[in-house]
Structure formats: structure tokens, C-alpha cells
Amino acid sequence: MTFGDPEWQLRQHKAALETLDSLDHDPGDRLKAMALAQEYGTKLYTGVFYRDPEPPPTYEAGVRERHAALRPQAPPRDRILEAFRPRRDGEGGDEEARS
């Protein structure tokens, strides 16, 4: 809960803001980023605290890789719906393979 005039509070926060660039902060230094983040409440910083220098692959990159790996096994587009059509007894599929 806060008290007082919201405009006054905003001015006070803006006056206390300090950019991480002005500190020559290195976003690749995880320990320094954590130390700066723990100063919250006494100082307000804006900017990027931490950026992983070797980020893991994105979800989209994983999807592209999986699509490329599965593409040779994929049925042609015009036959995809056949997998969802109900089969009658004795028609194709697993029953013929078991015989």
C-alpha cells in the first residue's frame, strides 16, 4: 500500500533512477548483476541486468530442427488425413501386417 500523491511518488522514483549503462555495467557478469538487483529498495536501476553469453537454443530453433529431422518420414500432404479416417474390418493398416 502506498500513501501520498502519485505524481510526487513518480517524480521521486524518476529522480532516483540510474541507468546501468552509466555504471559501465557488463550484462555478462552474473554475480555483479545479482548484487545490483539486491540493491532494490535503496537504488533503482534501469537496463539489462544479465544476459546469458551462451543462451540455450530457442523454442523456434528446436521446432525447425525437429521438422527437418522428421520431414523424410512425413507422409505427403495429400495423404495426411488418411491417418484419421476410420478403417473397416480387414482394411489395410495393422491387421494386414499381423497376418
C-alpha atoms as a PDB file:
ATOM      1  CA  MET A   1       0.000   0.000   0.000  1.00  0.00           C
ATOM      2  CA  THR A   2       1.306   3.457  -0.817  1.00  0.00           C
ATOM      3  CA  PHE A   3       0.370   6.840   0.544  1.00  0.00           C
ATOM      4  CA  GLY A   4       0.662  10.312  -0.862  1.00  0.00           C
ATOM      5  CA  ASP A   5       0.267  11.979  -4.211  1.00  0.00           C
ATOM      6  CA  PRO A   6       1.001   9.575  -7.096  1.00  0.00           C
ATOM      7  CA  GLU A   7       2.630  12.363  -9.142  1.00  0.00           C
ATOM      8  CA  TRP A   8       5.011  13.176  -6.296  1.00  0.00           C
ATOM      9  CA  GLN A   9       5.907   9.490  -5.898  1.00  0.00           C
ATOM     10  CA  LEU A  10       6.597   9.200  -9.631  1.00  0.00           C
ATOM     11  CA  ARG A  11       8.866  12.248  -9.559  1.00  0.00           C
ATOM     12  CA  GLN A  12      10.773  10.783  -6.595  1.00  0.00           C
ATOM     13  CA  HIS A  13      11.239   7.447  -8.366  1.00  0.00           C
ATOM     14  CA  LYS A  14      12.391   9.122 -11.571  1.00  0.00           C
ATOM     15  CA  ALA A  15      14.879  11.218  -9.620  1.00  0.00           C
ATOM     16  CA  ALA A  16      16.336   8.062  -8.046  1.00  0.00           C
ATOM     17  CA  LEU A  17      16.592   6.136 -11.353  1.00  0.00           C
ATOM     18  CA  GLU A  18      20.050   5.306 -12.589  1.00  0.00           C
ATOM     19  CA  THR A  19      20.860   3.509 -15.827  1.00  0.00           C
ATOM     20  CA  LEU A  20      23.116   0.509 -15.732  1.00  0.00           C
ATOM     21  CA  ASP A  21      24.938   1.903 -18.770  1.00  0.00           C
ATOM     22  CA  SER A  22      26.043   4.896 -16.686  1.00  0.00           C
ATOM     23  CA  LEU A  23      27.725   2.433 -14.300  1.00  0.00           C
ATOM     24  CA  ASP A  24      29.571   0.691 -17.161  1.00  0.00           C
ATOM     25  CA  HIS A  25      27.774  -2.470 -16.110  1.00  0.00           C
ATOM     26  CA  ASP A  26      28.684  -5.643 -18.014  1.00  0.00           C
ATOM     27  CA  PRO A  27      25.450  -7.663 -18.597  1.00  0.00           C
ATOM     28  CA  GLY A  28      27.543 -10.837 -18.961  1.00  0.00           C
ATOM     29  CA  ASP A  29      28.680 -10.673 -15.308  1.00  0.00           C
ATOM     30  CA  ARG A  30      26.052 -12.690 -13.459  1.00  0.00           C
ATOM     31  CA  LEU A  31      27.364 -12.098  -9.931  1.00  0.00           C
ATOM     32  CA  LYS A  32      27.552  -8.327 -10.404  1.00  0.00           C
ATOM     33  CA  ALA A  33      24.028  -8.359 -11.861  1.00  0.00           C
ATOM     34  CA  MET A  34      22.721 -10.217  -8.806  1.00  0.00           C
ATOM     35  CA  ALA A  35      24.472  -7.781  -6.459  1.00  0.00           C
ATOM     36  CA  LEU A  36      22.943  -4.804  -8.274  1.00  0.00           C
ATOM     37  CA  ALA A  37      19.489  -6.399  -8.228  1.00  0.00           C
ATOM     38  CA  GLN A  38      19.720  -6.883  -4.470  1.00  0.00           C
ATOM     39  CA  GLU A  39      20.112  -3.125  -4.043  1.00  0.00           C
ATOM     40  CA  TYR A  40      16.431  -2.742  -4.925  1.00  0.00           C
ATOM     41  CA  GLY A  41      14.744  -0.571  -2.343  1.00  0.00           C
ATOM     42  CA  THR A  42      17.745   1.666  -1.849  1.00  0.00           C
ATOM     43  CA  LYS A  43      18.529   2.324  -5.529  1.00  0.00           C
ATOM     44  CA  LEU A  44      16.569   1.986  -8.743  1.00  0.00           C
ATOM     45  CA  TYR A  45      18.334   0.810 -11.877  1.00  0.00           C
ATOM     46  CA  THR A  46      17.100   0.560 -15.431  1.00  0.00           C
ATOM     47  CA  GLY A  47      18.644  -1.530 -18.159  1.00  0.00           C
ATOM     48  CA  VAL A  48      19.694  -5.102 -18.747  1.00  0.00           C
ATOM     49  CA  PHE A  49      20.995  -6.682 -15.551  1.00  0.00           C
ATOM     50  CA  TYR A  50      22.055 -10.016 -17.036  1.00  0.00           C
ATOM     51  CA  ARG A  51      22.207 -11.560 -20.490  1.00  0.00           C
ATOM     52  CA  ASP A  52      23.470 -15.118 -20.841  1.00  0.00           C
ATOM     53  CA  PRO A  53      26.550 -15.029 -23.093  1.00  0.00           C
ATOM     54  CA  GLU A  54      25.744 -18.521 -24.373  1.00  0.00           C
ATOM     55  CA  PRO A  55      21.940 -18.723 -24.411  1.00  0.00           C
ATOM     56  CA  PRO A  56      20.256 -22.087 -24.973  1.00  0.00           C
ATOM     57  CA  PRO A  57      18.514 -22.624 -28.306  1.00  0.00           C
ATOM     58  CA  THR A  58      15.108 -21.017 -28.658  1.00  0.00           C
ATOM     59  CA  TYR A  59      11.873 -22.985 -28.910  1.00  0.00           C
ATOM     60  CA  GLU A  60      11.536 -21.940 -32.560  1.00  0.00           C
ATOM     61  CA  ALA A  61      15.024 -23.276 -33.358  1.00  0.00           C
ATOM     62  CA  GLY A  62      14.094 -26.601 -31.733  1.00  0.00           C
ATOM     63  CA  VAL A  63      10.902 -26.797 -33.783  1.00  0.00           C
ATOM     64  CA  ARG A  64      12.799 -26.115 -37.017  1.00  0.00           C
ATOM     65  CA  GLU A  65      15.354 -28.796 -36.123  1.00  0.00           C
ATOM     66  CA  ARG A  66      12.618 -31.340 -35.323  1.00  0.00           C
ATOM     67  CA  HIS A  67      10.737 -30.569 -38.548  1.00  0.00           C
ATOM     68  CA  ALA A  68      13.920 -31.061 -40.559  1.00  0.00           C
ATOM     69  CA  ALA A  69      14.595 -34.398 -38.820  1.00  0.00           C
ATOM     70  CA  LEU A  70      11.034 -35.704 -39.329  1.00  0.00           C
ATOM     71  CA  ARG A  71      10.499 -34.419 -42.869  1.00  0.00           C
ATOM     72  CA  PRO A  72      11.854 -37.567 -44.612  1.00  0.00           C
ATOM     73  CA  GLN A  73       9.387 -39.788 -42.681  1.00  0.00           C
ATOM     74  CA  ALA A  74       6.365 -37.490 -43.113  1.00  0.00           C
ATOM     75  CA  PRO A  75       3.570 -38.631 -45.426  1.00  0.00           C
ATOM     76  CA  PRO A  76       2.756 -36.425 -48.414  1.00  0.00           C
ATOM     77  CA  ARG A  77       0.363 -33.598 -47.578  1.00  0.00           C
ATOM     78  CA  ASP A  78      -2.420 -35.045 -49.712  1.00  0.00           C
ATOM     79  CA  ARG A  79      -2.375 -38.293 -47.645  1.00  0.00           C
ATOM     80  CA  ILE A  80      -2.243 -36.845 -44.103  1.00  0.00           C
ATOM     81  CA  LEU A  81      -5.995 -37.159 -43.481  1.00  0.00           C
ATOM     82  CA  GLU A  82      -5.912 -40.885 -44.258  1.00  0.00           C
ATOM     83  CA  ALA A  83      -4.385 -41.479 -40.816  1.00  0.00           C
ATOM     84  CA  PHE A  84      -7.585 -40.120 -39.219  1.00  0.00           C
ATOM     85  CA  ARG A  85     -10.186 -41.946 -41.320  1.00  0.00           C
ATOM     86  CA  PRO A  86     -11.830 -44.909 -39.583  1.00  0.00           C
ATOM     87  CA  ARG A  87     -10.862 -48.296 -41.036  1.00  0.00           C
ATOM     88  CA  ARG A  88     -13.268 -51.093 -41.744  1.00  0.00           C
ATOM     89  CA  ASP A  89     -12.511 -54.643 -40.615  1.00  0.00           C
ATOM     90  CA  GLY A  90      -9.976 -56.262 -42.888  1.00  0.00           C
ATOM     91  CA  GLU A  91      -8.803 -52.985 -44.448  1.00  0.00           C
ATOM     92  CA  GLY A  92      -5.114 -52.076 -44.503  1.00  0.00           C
ATOM     93  CA  GLY A  93      -3.170 -50.960 -41.512  1.00  0.00           C
ATOM     94  CA  ASP A  94      -2.024 -53.159 -38.643  1.00  0.00           C
ATOM     95  CA  GLU A  95      -4.274 -56.127 -39.354  1.00  0.00           C
ATOM     96  CA  GLU A  96      -2.521 -56.870 -42.646  1.00  0.00           C
ATOM     97  CA  ALA A  97       0.851 -56.545 -41.011  1.00  0.00           C
ATOM     98  CA  ARG A  98      -0.091 -59.161 -38.376  1.00  0.00           C
ATOM     99  CA  SER A  99      -1.158 -61.765 -40.947  1.00  0.00           C
END
